[in-house]
Structures are given as structure tokens and as C-alpha cells.
């Protein structure tokens, strides 16, 4: 479940202008070699946008070391509220880009025949922003920084290894995740032979365990894996091995019901 870098090289021959890549798969947990992807893209003057919605919460991300042109991530996977996110972009690129929304505070002056746009970031932030949730997200980021993203990453990988050991004991369970946990984040997708992922999630729900089921907005991936969807668990630093033990108990319940 790794990215095919040979296929990536073939795509680069088509001279794309923008490469969009996940920092961590929300299905398999795969962590691509982002730095290599960026380096190869820049050789053909393509820009790179990293979708960090899954990755930024689980590992330290240094945009300067990576050299990425853009990075996006959301608040709700980082202990923050829904409806808030961040777009990082290199200053020289953002200065060249036109605004995509128009409204208050994104212009310096308006005349009948001319407007002068505000500087960055204001020219991209038209109208009244979501002030309360942005403040809440800021507090969440302070808390995560205090906790330490390296500490979070270490804890998450420990839970991932523990979960794989627990779930791999069952012959009917197929795990969709890189074998090497160093190349994977704490996203744990699985299927059970002959049982629909929605049924798995329903039983887990009865055990008061919230997991996700379906295609996870990744239908092309599901098609390539020849499955309709997976059941997915994800871990964070507030989870423990006891939570995974409870998940294994729910798994046994699923196997008992649908035997």
C-alpha cells in the first residue's frame, strides 16, 4: 500500500502544473515520501500542494524543510472545531495569486474604475471570518504544541502496532495498511470476509466504539482494491491500549453474529 514512484515519474512526463498529494492516506495510513515527490516536481517547475488533513495532527511538519508550495489542513482532526482550516502557501506564490472571493477587508481602496487589493493574507479572507472557531482552533494548536507532536507520533505508532497484532490474529480479517509502521500513520482499515463494513460499524457502535465505514471519499482506491469499502479505526493520543482491547472484543462479537 505504498505509492508507486515509477508511475509518478510517468505522470511527470505529462508536464503537470500542480501536484496534489496526501501527507497521509486517510484509508491505509500510508505516508508517502513527500520530500522526494516535491523534489521531482520542482525539476519540471510544477507546484506541490500537500493535503495534510490526516498527517499534520500526527507528526511534526516543517514546510521549509519539505519545500512544499502549499499545505492544507483542517481543525477538526486536531482537537479543533469543524468548518475551520488552514492554507499555507509560499509568500511569493500567494502574492501572485488573485483572490477567489470578494468582500469586506480584502481591498485597500475602491474607486469607480479601479480597485487596490489588500496584502496577504487579507486579500483571501473576504468578509467577516469565523472568529470564534478560529480562536478555538488556536487554543487547540497551543495544547497540541505543549503536548508535543513528536510525543503524539510515538504514542500513535505504538497503538498502531498493538492494533495490528490484535487484529491480524483473525484469518477472516484483512488489514489495509503498510507492513512497516514507520511508513504509516495511525489509520487502521480492515475488512472481514463475507461481512459488509457497515454491519461491522453497526456492531462496534453497539459496543460504544465509533469507527468509520464506507469508501472514505476514496472510491478510485476502493475500485483498485476490488472492494466496496472498509471499516476504519483511527487513533490519537487520548486513546489507549485498553481502547484497542475493547475494539478486539467488538470484533469477536461481529464474528460471532455473522458466523
C-alpha atoms as a PDB file:
ATOM      1  CA  UNK A   1       0.000   0.000   0.000  1.00  0.00           C
ATOM      2  CA  UNK A   2       2.802   2.377  -0.967  1.00  0.00           C
ATOM      3  CA  UNK A   3       2.733   4.986  -3.716  1.00  0.00           C
ATOM      4  CA  UNK A   4       4.222   3.777  -6.991  1.00  0.00           C
ATOM      5  CA  UNK A   5       7.045   6.240  -7.627  1.00  0.00           C
ATOM      6  CA  UNK A   6       7.659   4.796 -11.101  1.00  0.00           C
ATOM      7  CA  UNK A   7       4.070   5.652 -12.018  1.00  0.00           C
ATOM      8  CA  UNK A   8       4.650   9.124 -10.567  1.00  0.00           C
ATOM      9  CA  UNK A   9       7.648   9.624 -12.853  1.00  0.00           C
ATOM     10  CA  UNK A  10       5.483   8.707 -15.831  1.00  0.00           C
ATOM     11  CA  UNK A  11       2.873  11.266 -14.782  1.00  0.00           C
ATOM     12  CA  UNK A  12       5.535  13.953 -14.551  1.00  0.00           C
ATOM     13  CA  UNK A  13       6.312  13.397 -18.243  1.00  0.00           C
ATOM     14  CA  UNK A  14       2.908  14.954 -18.970  1.00  0.00           C
ATOM     15  CA  UNK A  15       4.251  18.250 -17.565  1.00  0.00           C
ATOM     16  CA  UNK A  16       1.566  18.948 -14.947  1.00  0.00           C
ATOM     17  CA  UNK A  17       1.459  22.411 -13.391  1.00  0.00           C
ATOM     18  CA  UNK A  18       0.262  21.292  -9.961  1.00  0.00           C
ATOM     19  CA  UNK A  19       0.849  18.087  -7.995  1.00  0.00           C
ATOM     20  CA  UNK A  20      -1.627  17.371  -5.193  1.00  0.00           C
ATOM     21  CA  UNK A  21      -0.664  14.596  -2.793  1.00  0.00           C
ATOM     22  CA  UNK A  22      -1.821  13.410   0.587  1.00  0.00           C
ATOM     23  CA  UNK A  23       0.562  13.678   3.507  1.00  0.00           C
ATOM     24  CA  UNK A  24      -1.010  10.526   4.946  1.00  0.00           C
ATOM     25  CA  UNK A  25      -3.710   8.316   3.460  1.00  0.00           C
ATOM     26  CA  UNK A  26      -6.999   8.503   5.339  1.00  0.00           C
ATOM     27  CA  UNK A  27      -7.669   4.875   4.339  1.00  0.00           C
ATOM     28  CA  UNK A  28      -4.395   2.962   4.655  1.00  0.00           C
ATOM     29  CA  UNK A  29      -2.380   5.418   6.720  1.00  0.00           C
ATOM     30  CA  UNK A  30       0.382   5.340   4.095  1.00  0.00           C
ATOM     31  CA  UNK A  31       2.904   8.171   4.466  1.00  0.00           C
ATOM     32  CA  UNK A  32       4.403   8.942   1.040  1.00  0.00           C
ATOM     33  CA  UNK A  33       7.948  10.160   0.516  1.00  0.00           C
ATOM     34  CA  UNK A  34       6.753  13.748   0.319  1.00  0.00           C
ATOM     35  CA  UNK A  35      10.194  15.319   0.077  1.00  0.00           C
ATOM     36  CA  UNK A  36      11.095  13.138  -2.924  1.00  0.00           C
ATOM     37  CA  UNK A  37       7.751  13.922  -4.585  1.00  0.00           C
ATOM     38  CA  UNK A  38       8.380  17.650  -4.154  1.00  0.00           C
ATOM     39  CA  UNK A  39      11.954  17.474  -5.437  1.00  0.00           C
ATOM     40  CA  UNK A  40      10.919  15.621  -8.596  1.00  0.00           C
ATOM     41  CA  UNK A  41       8.010  18.003  -9.222  1.00  0.00           C
ATOM     42  CA  UNK A  42      10.204  21.071  -8.894  1.00  0.00           C
ATOM     43  CA  UNK A  43      12.557  19.673 -11.554  1.00  0.00           C
ATOM     44  CA  UNK A  44       9.785  20.314 -14.106  1.00  0.00           C
ATOM     45  CA  UNK A  45       8.683  23.573 -12.412  1.00  0.00           C
ATOM     46  CA  UNK A  46       5.455  22.066 -11.088  1.00  0.00           C
ATOM     47  CA  UNK A  47       3.998  23.290  -7.809  1.00  0.00           C
ATOM     48  CA  UNK A  48       3.124  20.879  -4.999  1.00  0.00           C
ATOM     49  CA  UNK A  49       0.135  21.032  -2.675  1.00  0.00           C
ATOM     50  CA  UNK A  50       0.108  18.676   0.296  1.00  0.00           C
ATOM     51  CA  UNK A  51      -3.247  17.623   1.718  1.00  0.00           C
ATOM     52  CA  UNK A  52      -2.223  17.481   5.360  1.00  0.00           C
ATOM     53  CA  UNK A  53      -5.677  16.933   6.853  1.00  0.00           C
ATOM     54  CA  UNK A  54      -4.658  13.468   8.064  1.00  0.00           C
ATOM     55  CA  UNK A  55      -0.933  13.983   8.594  1.00  0.00           C
ATOM     56  CA  UNK A  56      -0.426  17.309  10.355  1.00  0.00           C
ATOM     57  CA  UNK A  57      -2.229  16.158  13.504  1.00  0.00           C
ATOM     58  CA  UNK A  58       0.007  13.113  13.891  1.00  0.00           C
ATOM     59  CA  UNK A  59       3.518  14.247  13.046  1.00  0.00           C
ATOM     60  CA  UNK A  60       5.647  17.372  13.075  1.00  0.00           C
ATOM     61  CA  UNK A  61       5.501  19.127   9.701  1.00  0.00           C
ATOM     62  CA  UNK A  62       8.202  21.589   8.618  1.00  0.00           C
ATOM     63  CA  UNK A  63       7.154  23.276   5.378  1.00  0.00           C
ATOM     64  CA  UNK A  64      10.573  24.864   4.931  1.00  0.00           C
ATOM     65  CA  UNK A  65      12.419  21.548   5.165  1.00  0.00           C
ATOM     66  CA  UNK A  66       9.909  19.874   2.864  1.00  0.00           C
ATOM     67  CA  UNK A  67       9.964  22.731   0.381  1.00  0.00           C
ATOM     68  CA  UNK A  68       6.260  22.368  -0.412  1.00  0.00           C
ATOM     69  CA  UNK A  69       4.489  25.212  -2.194  1.00  0.00           C
ATOM     70  CA  UNK A  70       1.156  24.765  -0.419  1.00  0.00           C
ATOM     71  CA  UNK A  71      -0.121  22.841   2.597  1.00  0.00           C
ATOM     72  CA  UNK A  72      -3.725  22.487   3.717  1.00  0.00           C
ATOM     73  CA  UNK A  73      -5.157  21.002   6.892  1.00  0.00           C
ATOM     74  CA  UNK A  74      -8.342  21.141   8.931  1.00  0.00           C
ATOM     75  CA  UNK A  75      -9.117  21.861  12.569  1.00  0.00           C
ATOM     76  CA  UNK A  76     -11.495  19.040  13.348  1.00  0.00           C
ATOM     77  CA  UNK A  77      -8.769  16.375  13.214  1.00  0.00           C
ATOM     78  CA  UNK A  78      -6.621  18.426  15.581  1.00  0.00           C
ATOM     79  CA  UNK A  79      -8.994  18.763  18.550  1.00  0.00           C
ATOM     80  CA  UNK A  80     -10.492  21.879  16.975  1.00  0.00           C
ATOM     81  CA  UNK A  81     -13.972  22.808  15.728  1.00  0.00           C
ATOM     82  CA  UNK A  82     -15.468  21.911  12.354  1.00  0.00           C
ATOM     83  CA  UNK A  83     -15.607  24.367   9.485  1.00  0.00           C
ATOM     84  CA  UNK A  84     -12.115  25.797  10.008  1.00  0.00           C
ATOM     85  CA  UNK A  85      -8.912  25.066   8.149  1.00  0.00           C
ATOM     86  CA  UNK A  86      -5.565  26.482   7.141  1.00  0.00           C
ATOM     87  CA  UNK A  87      -3.927  27.064   3.777  1.00  0.00           C
ATOM     88  CA  UNK A  88      -0.196  27.677   3.893  1.00  0.00           C
ATOM     89  CA  UNK A  89       1.458  28.964   0.751  1.00  0.00           C
ATOM     90  CA  UNK A  90       4.846  30.346  -0.150  1.00  0.00           C
ATOM     91  CA  UNK A  91       4.718  34.121   0.118  1.00  0.00           C
ATOM     92  CA  UNK A  92       5.863  34.784  -3.437  1.00  0.00           C
ATOM     93  CA  UNK A  93       3.151  32.496  -4.818  1.00  0.00           C
ATOM     94  CA  UNK A  94       0.356  33.930  -2.691  1.00  0.00           C
ATOM     95  CA  UNK A  95       1.345  37.445  -3.737  1.00  0.00           C
ATOM     96  CA  UNK A  96       0.908  36.489  -7.400  1.00  0.00           C
ATOM     97  CA  UNK A  97      -2.421  34.720  -6.924  1.00  0.00           C
ATOM     98  CA  UNK A  98      -5.708  36.608  -7.416  1.00  0.00           C
ATOM     99  CA  UNK A  99      -8.447  36.406  -4.765  1.00  0.00           C
ATOM    100  CA  UNK A 100     -11.220  33.867  -5.277  1.00  0.00           C
ATOM    101  CA  UNK A 101     -13.782  35.603  -3.040  1.00  0.00           C
ATOM    102  CA  UNK A 102     -14.754  39.252  -2.891  1.00  0.00           C
ATOM    103  CA  UNK A 103     -15.967  41.220   0.107  1.00  0.00           C
ATOM    104  CA  UNK A 104     -15.002  43.403   3.005  1.00  0.00           C
ATOM    105  CA  UNK A 105     -11.374  43.806   4.096  1.00  0.00           C
ATOM    106  CA  UNK A 106      -9.834  42.211   1.019  1.00  0.00           C
ATOM    107  CA  UNK A 107      -9.305  45.576  -0.700  1.00  0.00           C
ATOM    108  CA  UNK A 108      -7.277  48.626   0.286  1.00  0.00           C
ATOM    109  CA  UNK A 109      -9.321  51.016  -1.801  1.00  0.00           C
ATOM    110  CA  UNK A 110     -12.212  51.009  -4.260  1.00  0.00           C
ATOM    111  CA  UNK A 111     -12.825  53.605  -6.980  1.00  0.00           C
ATOM    112  CA  UNK A 112     -15.254  53.658  -9.879  1.00  0.00           C
ATOM    113  CA  UNK A 113     -12.644  52.444 -12.321  1.00  0.00           C
ATOM    114  CA  UNK A 114     -10.071  50.785 -10.128  1.00  0.00           C
ATOM    115  CA  UNK A 115      -9.510  48.686  -7.001  1.00  0.00           C
ATOM    116  CA  UNK A 116      -6.375  48.088  -4.983  1.00  0.00           C
ATOM    117  CA  UNK A 117      -6.225  44.683  -3.325  1.00  0.00           C
ATOM    118  CA  UNK A 118      -5.093  44.257   0.248  1.00  0.00           C
ATOM    119  CA  UNK A 119      -1.931  42.312   1.011  1.00  0.00           C
ATOM    120  CA  UNK A 120      -1.720  38.681   2.084  1.00  0.00           C
ATOM    121  CA  UNK A 121      -3.415  37.018   3.856  1.00  0.00           C
ATOM    122  CA  UNK A 122      -6.238  39.584   3.861  1.00  0.00           C
ATOM    123  CA  UNK A 123      -6.925  39.555   0.135  1.00  0.00           C
ATOM    124  CA  UNK A 124      -8.006  35.905   0.506  1.00  0.00           C
ATOM    125  CA  UNK A 125     -10.182  36.492   3.587  1.00  0.00           C
ATOM    126  CA  UNK A 126     -13.219  38.366   2.329  1.00  0.00           C
ATOM    127  CA  UNK A 127     -15.961  39.309   4.756  1.00  0.00           C
ATOM    128  CA  UNK A 128     -16.319  38.533   8.435  1.00  0.00           C
ATOM    129  CA  UNK A 129     -14.310  35.417   9.303  1.00  0.00           C
ATOM    130  CA  UNK A 130     -15.346  32.580  11.597  1.00  0.00           C
ATOM    131  CA  UNK A 131     -13.796  34.392  14.561  1.00  0.00           C
ATOM    132  CA  UNK A 132     -14.935  32.172  17.433  1.00  0.00           C
ATOM    133  CA  UNK A 133     -13.870  28.903  15.816  1.00  0.00           C
ATOM    134  CA  UNK A 134     -10.531  30.331  14.691  1.00  0.00           C
ATOM    135  CA  UNK A 135      -9.813  31.334  18.302  1.00  0.00           C
ATOM    136  CA  UNK A 136     -10.833  27.842  19.439  1.00  0.00           C
ATOM    137  CA  UNK A 137      -8.536  26.266  16.849  1.00  0.00           C
ATOM    138  CA  UNK A 138      -5.699  28.458  18.054  1.00  0.00           C
ATOM    139  CA  UNK A 139      -6.183  27.136  21.586  1.00  0.00           C
ATOM    140  CA  UNK A 140      -6.211  23.565  20.276  1.00  0.00           C
ATOM    141  CA  UNK A 141      -2.917  24.190  18.479  1.00  0.00           C
ATOM    142  CA  UNK A 142      -1.406  25.618  21.652  1.00  0.00           C
ATOM    143  CA  UNK A 143      -2.428  22.467  23.510  1.00  0.00           C
ATOM    144  CA  UNK A 144      -1.004  20.185  20.816  1.00  0.00           C
ATOM    145  CA  UNK A 145       2.247  22.138  20.770  1.00  0.00           C
ATOM    146  CA  UNK A 146       2.516  21.841  24.541  1.00  0.00           C
ATOM    147  CA  UNK A 147       1.827  18.098  24.340  1.00  0.00           C
ATOM    148  CA  UNK A 148       4.437  17.734  21.606  1.00  0.00           C
ATOM    149  CA  UNK A 149       3.771  16.344  18.137  1.00  0.00           C
ATOM    150  CA  UNK A 150       6.763  14.019  18.437  1.00  0.00           C
ATOM    151  CA  UNK A 151       5.256  12.562  21.613  1.00  0.00           C
ATOM    152  CA  UNK A 152       1.928  12.181  19.829  1.00  0.00           C
ATOM    153  CA  UNK A 153       3.568  10.428  16.860  1.00  0.00           C
ATOM    154  CA  UNK A 154       5.388   7.969  19.138  1.00  0.00           C
ATOM    155  CA  UNK A 155       2.196   7.155  21.046  1.00  0.00           C
ATOM    156  CA  UNK A 156       0.140   6.778  17.854  1.00  0.00           C
ATOM    157  CA  UNK A 157       2.600   4.346  16.264  1.00  0.00           C
ATOM    158  CA  UNK A 158       2.680   2.275  19.437  1.00  0.00           C
ATOM    159  CA  UNK A 159      -1.108   1.943  19.279  1.00  0.00           C
ATOM    160  CA  UNK A 160      -0.997   1.107  15.571  1.00  0.00           C
ATOM    161  CA  UNK A 161       1.477  -1.736  16.154  1.00  0.00           C
ATOM    162  CA  UNK A 162      -0.633  -3.029  19.038  1.00  0.00           C
ATOM    163  CA  UNK A 163      -3.819  -2.960  16.959  1.00  0.00           C
ATOM    164  CA  UNK A 164      -2.197  -4.801  14.058  1.00  0.00           C
ATOM    165  CA  UNK A 165      -1.026  -7.572  16.363  1.00  0.00           C
ATOM    166  CA  UNK A 166      -4.523  -7.903  17.815  1.00  0.00           C
ATOM    167  CA  UNK A 167      -6.459  -7.884  14.539  1.00  0.00           C
ATOM    168  CA  UNK A 168      -4.024  -9.949  12.462  1.00  0.00           C
ATOM    169  CA  UNK A 169      -4.796 -12.997  14.634  1.00  0.00           C
ATOM    170  CA  UNK A 170      -8.120 -13.479  12.840  1.00  0.00           C
ATOM    171  CA  UNK A 171      -7.929 -15.272   9.450  1.00  0.00           C
ATOM    172  CA  UNK A 172     -11.072 -13.596   8.090  1.00  0.00           C
ATOM    173  CA  UNK A 173      -9.738 -10.105   8.800  1.00  0.00           C
ATOM    174  CA  UNK A 174      -7.777  -8.352   6.045  1.00  0.00           C
ATOM    175  CA  UNK A 175      -5.771  -5.291   7.059  1.00  0.00           C
ATOM    176  CA  UNK A 176      -5.147  -2.437   4.605  1.00  0.00           C
ATOM    177  CA  UNK A 177      -2.004  -0.740   5.892  1.00  0.00           C
ATOM    178  CA  UNK A 178       1.739  -0.759   5.131  1.00  0.00           C
ATOM    179  CA  UNK A 179       3.602  -3.546   6.905  1.00  0.00           C
ATOM    180  CA  UNK A 180       6.217  -1.102   8.158  1.00  0.00           C
ATOM    181  CA  UNK A 181       4.540   1.134  10.731  1.00  0.00           C
ATOM    182  CA  UNK A 182       7.274   3.740  10.221  1.00  0.00           C
ATOM    183  CA  UNK A 183       5.682   4.399   6.816  1.00  0.00           C
ATOM    184  CA  UNK A 184       2.179   4.585   8.246  1.00  0.00           C
ATOM    185  CA  UNK A 185       0.087   6.831  10.416  1.00  0.00           C
ATOM    186  CA  UNK A 186      -2.474   5.670  12.986  1.00  0.00           C
ATOM    187  CA  UNK A 187      -5.213   4.853  10.494  1.00  0.00           C
ATOM    188  CA  UNK A 188      -6.273   1.233  10.602  1.00  0.00           C
ATOM    189  CA  UNK A 189      -8.563  -0.013   7.812  1.00  0.00           C
ATOM    190  CA  UNK A 190      -9.819  -3.568   7.620  1.00  0.00           C
ATOM    191  CA  UNK A 191     -12.439  -5.835   6.101  1.00  0.00           C
ATOM    192  CA  UNK A 192     -13.906  -9.114   7.292  1.00  0.00           C
ATOM    193  CA  UNK A 193     -14.597 -11.827   4.745  1.00  0.00           C
ATOM    194  CA  UNK A 194     -18.315 -12.040   3.969  1.00  0.00           C
ATOM    195  CA  UNK A 195     -19.344  -9.124   6.203  1.00  0.00           C
ATOM    196  CA  UNK A 196     -20.224  -5.642   4.943  1.00  0.00           C
ATOM    197  CA  UNK A 197     -18.244  -2.769   6.521  1.00  0.00           C
ATOM    198  CA  UNK A 198     -21.496  -1.036   7.516  1.00  0.00           C
ATOM    199  CA  UNK A 199     -22.505  -4.116   9.502  1.00  0.00           C
ATOM    200  CA  UNK A 200     -19.127  -4.127  11.220  1.00  0.00           C
ATOM    201  CA  UNK A 201     -19.529  -0.476  12.173  1.00  0.00           C
ATOM    202  CA  UNK A 202     -23.058  -1.082  13.468  1.00  0.00           C
ATOM    203  CA  UNK A 203     -21.879  -3.792  15.850  1.00  0.00           C
ATOM    204  CA  UNK A 204     -18.965  -1.651  17.003  1.00  0.00           C
ATOM    205  CA  UNK A 205     -21.440   1.163  17.608  1.00  0.00           C
ATOM    206  CA  UNK A 206     -23.466  -1.116  19.881  1.00  0.00           C
ATOM    207  CA  UNK A 207     -20.254  -1.587  21.863  1.00  0.00           C
ATOM    208  CA  UNK A 208     -19.908   2.236  22.088  1.00  0.00           C
ATOM    209  CA  UNK A 209     -16.947   2.265  19.725  1.00  0.00           C
ATOM    210  CA  UNK A 210     -17.057   4.831  16.935  1.00  0.00           C
ATOM    211  CA  UNK A 211     -15.425   3.715  13.696  1.00  0.00           C
ATOM    212  CA  UNK A 212     -15.931   4.767  10.100  1.00  0.00           C
ATOM    213  CA  UNK A 213     -17.251   2.531   7.332  1.00  0.00           C
ATOM    214  CA  UNK A 214     -17.575   3.002   3.588  1.00  0.00           C
ATOM    215  CA  UNK A 215     -15.288   4.253   0.844  1.00  0.00           C
ATOM    216  CA  UNK A 216     -13.942   7.216   2.870  1.00  0.00           C
ATOM    217  CA  UNK A 217     -14.201   9.563  -0.140  1.00  0.00           C
ATOM    218  CA  UNK A 218     -11.684   7.314  -1.935  1.00  0.00           C
ATOM    219  CA  UNK A 219     -13.784   5.392  -4.445  1.00  0.00           C
ATOM    220  CA  UNK A 220     -10.981   5.007  -7.035  1.00  0.00           C
ATOM    221  CA  UNK A 221      -8.825   3.371  -4.355  1.00  0.00           C
ATOM    222  CA  UNK A 222     -11.659   1.023  -3.404  1.00  0.00           C
ATOM    223  CA  UNK A 223     -12.099   0.120  -7.055  1.00  0.00           C
ATOM    224  CA  UNK A 224      -8.392  -0.670  -7.421  1.00  0.00           C
ATOM    225  CA  UNK A 225      -8.573  -2.857  -4.290  1.00  0.00           C
ATOM    226  CA  UNK A 226     -11.723  -4.519  -5.694  1.00  0.00           C
ATOM    227  CA  UNK A 227     -13.768  -3.812  -2.562  1.00  0.00           C
ATOM    228  CA  UNK A 228     -16.811  -1.648  -1.836  1.00  0.00           C
ATOM    229  CA  UNK A 229     -15.324  -0.144   1.305  1.00  0.00           C
ATOM    230  CA  UNK A 230     -13.576  -0.798   4.584  1.00  0.00           C
ATOM    231  CA  UNK A 231     -14.114  -0.393   8.281  1.00  0.00           C
ATOM    232  CA  UNK A 232     -11.644   2.126   9.637  1.00  0.00           C
ATOM    233  CA  UNK A 233     -10.310   2.901  13.079  1.00  0.00           C
ATOM    234  CA  UNK A 234      -8.025   5.820  13.812  1.00  0.00           C
ATOM    235  CA  UNK A 235      -6.127   6.605  16.978  1.00  0.00           C
ATOM    236  CA  UNK A 236      -4.967   9.751  18.724  1.00  0.00           C
ATOM    237  CA  UNK A 237      -3.013  10.491  21.866  1.00  0.00           C
ATOM    238  CA  UNK A 238      -6.119  10.285  24.049  1.00  0.00           C
ATOM    239  CA  UNK A 239      -6.577   6.620  23.055  1.00  0.00           C
ATOM    240  CA  UNK A 240      -5.048   3.711  24.968  1.00  0.00           C
ATOM    241  CA  UNK A 241      -4.345   0.020  24.515  1.00  0.00           C
ATOM    242  CA  UNK A 242      -7.490  -0.624  26.556  1.00  0.00           C
ATOM    243  CA  UNK A 243      -9.492   1.015  23.754  1.00  0.00           C
ATOM    244  CA  UNK A 244      -7.987  -1.418  21.264  1.00  0.00           C
ATOM    245  CA  UNK A 245      -8.742  -4.333  23.573  1.00  0.00           C
ATOM    246  CA  UNK A 246     -12.375  -3.192  23.572  1.00  0.00           C
ATOM    247  CA  UNK A 247     -12.257  -2.980  19.784  1.00  0.00           C
ATOM    248  CA  UNK A 248     -10.986  -6.548  19.615  1.00  0.00           C
ATOM    249  CA  UNK A 249     -13.879  -7.588  21.839  1.00  0.00           C
ATOM    250  CA  UNK A 250     -16.271  -5.899  19.402  1.00  0.00           C
ATOM    251  CA  UNK A 251     -14.543  -7.691  16.525  1.00  0.00           C
ATOM    252  CA  UNK A 252     -15.170 -11.028  18.228  1.00  0.00           C
ATOM    253  CA  UNK A 253     -18.813 -10.021  18.603  1.00  0.00           C
ATOM    254  CA  UNK A 254     -19.036  -9.300  14.865  1.00  0.00           C
ATOM    255  CA  UNK A 255     -17.549 -12.696  14.004  1.00  0.00           C
ATOM    256  CA  UNK A 256     -19.951 -14.416  16.383  1.00  0.00           C
ATOM    257  CA  UNK A 257     -23.046 -12.682  14.978  1.00  0.00           C
ATOM    258  CA  UNK A 258     -22.181 -13.288  11.324  1.00  0.00           C
ATOM    259  CA  UNK A 259     -20.563 -16.721  11.610  1.00  0.00           C
END
